[in-house]
Every structure is written in structure tokens, then in C-alpha cells.
Amino acid sequence: MPPFGPVKRRDLIAAFRRLGFEGPLPGGRHQFMVRGETVVTIPNPHRGDIGVGLLRVILREAGVTKQEWAKA
């Protein structure tokens, strides 16, 4: 169960896999993950964690609630 806060890219990908997403798949400038018709862009690897603001945007794009995120 990842916290709703700064999260490592690796933990983000693992949580999305537990939520039924496939990938990460190669894209143009960023990788992405897919679940049905939903496509979510995954941030490129960089120093530090993915911040709360970006995590909120990614979850909104994926259609994942904070409750679903807490259970992943």
C-alpha cells in the first residue's frame, strides 16, 4: 500500500500493476501504462520521488481514487 505522498517511480509502477494496468510501454518522450481504454503517462526516471502534486495529476488521469490507491 503506497502512501499518498512522495512516491518512488518503481513503487508507482508496481501499484498501477496491482490496479490492473499493463506496462510501462514505450512511448514518444514518456512511457505509459494501459488499462482498457485508459492510458496513463508515467514520469521519466529522475532523482528524487514523485511529489504529491504530480501524483494527484497521475491518479486523476488514471481514474484512480485515493481509496483505491491506498488499497493497491
Protein backbone atom coordinates (compact mmCIF):
# COMPACT_ATOMS: atom_id res chain seq x y z
CA MET A 1 0.00 0.00 0.00
CA PRO A 2 1.83 3.12 -1.18
CA PRO A 3 1.27 6.28 0.82
CA PHE A 4 -0.45 9.27 -0.74
CA GLY A 5 2.63 11.39 -0.77
CA PRO A 6 6.02 11.40 -2.38
CA VAL A 7 6.48 8.00 -4.03
CA LYS A 8 9.30 6.36 -5.95
CA ARG A 9 8.73 5.72 -9.67
CA ARG A 10 9.24 1.99 -9.08
CA ASP A 11 6.53 1.94 -6.39
CA LEU A 12 4.16 3.91 -8.65
CA ILE A 13 4.56 1.34 -11.43
CA ALA A 14 4.11 -1.59 -9.02
CA ALA A 15 0.92 -0.06 -7.59
CA PHE A 16 -0.53 0.55 -11.05
CA ARG A 17 0.19 -3.08 -11.97
CA ARG A 18 -1.71 -4.20 -8.86
CA LEU A 19 -4.58 -1.95 -10.01
CA GLY A 20 -4.72 -3.83 -13.33
CA PHE A 21 -2.60 -1.62 -15.58
CA GLU A 22 -0.19 -3.13 -18.12
CA GLY A 23 3.23 -1.71 -18.88
CA PRO A 24 5.12 0.51 -18.77
CA LEU A 25 5.14 0.58 -22.55
CA PRO A 26 7.46 2.74 -24.65
CA GLY A 27 6.02 5.99 -25.93
CA GLY A 28 7.34 9.11 -27.60
CA ARG A 29 9.00 11.01 -24.76
CA HIS A 30 7.46 9.13 -21.82
CA GLN A 31 6.46 5.58 -21.05
CA PHE A 32 2.81 4.84 -20.41
CA MET A 33 0.58 2.22 -18.81
CA VAL A 34 -2.77 0.96 -20.10
CA ARG A 35 -5.93 -0.48 -18.50
CA GLY A 36 -8.73 -0.94 -21.03
CA GLU A 37 -9.24 2.42 -22.73
CA THR A 38 -7.35 4.33 -20.01
CA VAL A 39 -3.81 5.43 -20.83
CA VAL A 40 -1.60 6.93 -18.12
CA THR A 41 1.69 8.70 -18.78
CA ILE A 42 4.49 7.64 -16.43
CA PRO A 43 7.14 10.23 -15.47
CA ASN A 44 10.66 9.58 -16.69
CA PRO A 45 13.22 8.39 -14.12
CA HIS A 46 14.87 11.25 -12.28
CA ARG A 47 16.43 11.99 -8.93
CA GLY A 48 14.05 12.07 -6.02
CA ASP A 49 10.47 10.95 -5.62
CA ILE A 50 7.31 11.85 -7.50
CA GLY A 51 5.73 14.67 -5.49
CA VAL A 52 2.18 14.91 -4.16
CA GLY A 53 1.03 17.33 -6.87
CA LEU A 54 2.22 15.18 -9.76
CA LEU A 55 0.89 12.04 -8.07
CA ARG A 56 -2.53 13.69 -7.77
CA VAL A 57 -2.48 14.55 -11.51
CA ILE A 58 -1.42 10.99 -12.46
CA LEU A 59 -4.16 9.42 -10.32
CA ARG A 60 -6.78 11.76 -11.78
CA GLU A 61 -5.63 10.86 -15.30
CA ALA A 62 -5.88 7.16 -14.40
CA GLY A 63 -9.30 7.49 -12.78
CA VAL A 64 -7.94 6.09 -9.50
CA THR A 65 -9.33 7.39 -6.21
CA LYS A 66 -7.28 7.91 -3.05
CA GLN A 67 -9.13 4.93 -1.52
CA GLU A 68 -8.17 2.67 -4.44
CA TRP A 69 -4.60 3.96 -4.22
CA ALA A 70 -4.46 3.15 -0.50
CA LYS A 71 -5.59 -0.44 -1.20
CA ALA A 72 -3.11 -1.00 -4.08
